[in-house]
């Protein structure tokens, strides 16, 4: 049930050179994981940017109409459902310090 896998001895993993190789291998794995994480983050940021752009266009088009109070509330609920009731971005805030405060 709780059997551990036995590792065979190899001279390539022995001594200082083996320790260095192992550390280099771990560093490569870490770098790969970090790069993948940043790639995913960039993809997410691009998707969020597109979503905010769509929401801004919807808001702009909607504000040109004369909605009833009920319609305005429904639209606001729709935007809340998208998580975009009041999208905050560096462009809308301007000052970098204020962006992080939001």
Protein backbone atom coordinates (compact mmCIF):
# COMPACT_ATOMS: atom_id res chain seq x y z
CA UNK A 1 0.00 0.00 0.00
CA UNK A 2 2.54 2.61 1.12
CA UNK A 3 5.46 1.20 -0.86
CA UNK A 4 8.22 3.57 -1.75
CA UNK A 5 9.87 3.31 -5.10
CA UNK A 6 13.48 2.17 -4.78
CA UNK A 7 15.97 4.31 -6.63
CA UNK A 8 19.01 2.63 -8.02
CA UNK A 9 22.40 4.17 -7.50
CA UNK A 10 23.94 5.95 -10.45
CA UNK A 11 27.39 7.49 -10.61
CA UNK A 12 25.95 10.39 -12.61
CA UNK A 13 23.95 11.45 -9.54
CA UNK A 14 26.76 10.89 -7.06
CA UNK A 15 29.06 13.47 -5.51
CA UNK A 16 29.17 17.21 -6.02
CA UNK A 17 28.63 16.96 -9.78
CA UNK A 18 25.46 14.95 -9.21
CA UNK A 19 24.17 17.51 -6.72
CA UNK A 20 24.90 20.32 -9.17
CA UNK A 21 23.14 18.46 -12.00
CA UNK A 22 20.13 17.84 -9.77
CA UNK A 23 20.01 21.54 -8.77
CA UNK A 24 20.27 22.62 -12.44
CA UNK A 25 17.47 20.24 -13.39
CA UNK A 26 15.24 21.62 -10.63
CA UNK A 27 16.06 25.18 -11.76
CA UNK A 28 15.04 24.33 -15.35
CA UNK A 29 11.75 22.88 -14.10
CA UNK A 30 11.12 25.95 -11.95
CA UNK A 31 11.88 28.32 -14.83
CA UNK A 32 9.55 26.37 -17.09
CA UNK A 33 6.76 26.52 -14.52
CA UNK A 34 7.25 30.26 -13.97
CA UNK A 35 7.27 30.93 -17.72
CA UNK A 36 4.07 28.94 -18.17
CA UNK A 37 2.44 30.85 -15.30
CA UNK A 38 3.34 34.21 -16.85
CA UNK A 39 2.10 33.06 -20.26
CA UNK A 40 -1.22 32.09 -18.65
CA UNK A 41 -1.36 35.43 -16.83
CA UNK A 42 -0.76 37.35 -20.06
CA UNK A 43 -3.53 35.38 -21.77
CA UNK A 44 -5.87 36.14 -18.88
CA UNK A 45 -4.99 39.84 -18.97
CA UNK A 46 -5.65 40.00 -22.70
CA UNK A 47 -9.03 38.31 -22.24
CA UNK A 48 -9.92 40.70 -19.42
CA UNK A 49 -8.90 43.67 -21.59
CA UNK A 50 -11.22 42.43 -24.35
CA UNK A 51 -14.07 41.92 -21.89
CA UNK A 52 -13.67 45.45 -20.47
CA UNK A 53 -13.62 46.84 -24.02
CA UNK A 54 -16.87 45.03 -24.83
CA UNK A 55 -18.43 46.26 -21.58
CA UNK A 56 -17.37 49.83 -22.36
CA UNK A 57 -18.93 49.62 -25.83
CA UNK A 58 -22.13 48.23 -24.34
CA UNK A 59 -22.15 50.99 -21.72
CA UNK A 60 -21.53 53.64 -24.37
CA UNK A 61 -24.29 52.35 -26.64
CA UNK A 62 -26.66 51.91 -23.70
CA UNK A 63 -26.05 55.42 -22.38
CA UNK A 64 -27.20 56.84 -25.74
CA UNK A 65 -30.69 55.48 -25.07
CA UNK A 66 -33.21 56.75 -22.55
CA UNK A 67 -33.72 53.62 -20.43
CA UNK A 68 -36.42 53.33 -17.84
CA UNK A 69 -35.37 52.85 -14.24
CA UNK A 70 -36.20 49.15 -14.52
CA UNK A 71 -34.10 48.78 -17.68
CA UNK A 72 -31.22 50.66 -16.10
CA UNK A 73 -31.36 48.37 -13.07
CA UNK A 74 -31.50 45.29 -15.32
CA UNK A 75 -28.48 46.52 -17.29
CA UNK A 76 -26.60 47.24 -14.07
CA UNK A 77 -27.37 43.71 -12.83
CA UNK A 78 -26.14 42.32 -16.15
CA UNK A 79 -22.85 44.21 -15.78
CA UNK A 80 -22.53 43.03 -12.17
CA UNK A 81 -23.02 39.47 -13.40
CA UNK A 82 -20.05 39.97 -15.69
CA UNK A 83 -18.09 41.42 -12.80
CA UNK A 84 -17.87 44.76 -14.57
CA UNK A 85 -20.15 47.13 -12.71
CA UNK A 86 -17.37 49.69 -12.67
CA UNK A 87 -14.32 48.40 -14.53
CA UNK A 88 -11.13 49.92 -13.15
CA UNK A 89 -8.05 49.99 -15.32
CA UNK A 90 -4.86 52.02 -15.46
CA UNK A 91 -6.39 53.97 -18.33
CA UNK A 92 -9.51 54.95 -16.40
CA UNK A 93 -7.67 55.78 -13.17
CA UNK A 94 -4.57 57.41 -14.60
CA UNK A 95 -2.30 57.66 -11.57
CA UNK A 96 -0.51 54.35 -10.93
CA UNK A 97 -0.80 54.69 -7.16
CA UNK A 98 -4.55 55.25 -7.45
CA UNK A 99 -4.87 52.14 -9.64
CA UNK A 100 -3.45 49.95 -6.89
CA UNK A 101 -5.68 51.63 -4.30
CA UNK A 102 -8.77 50.58 -6.28
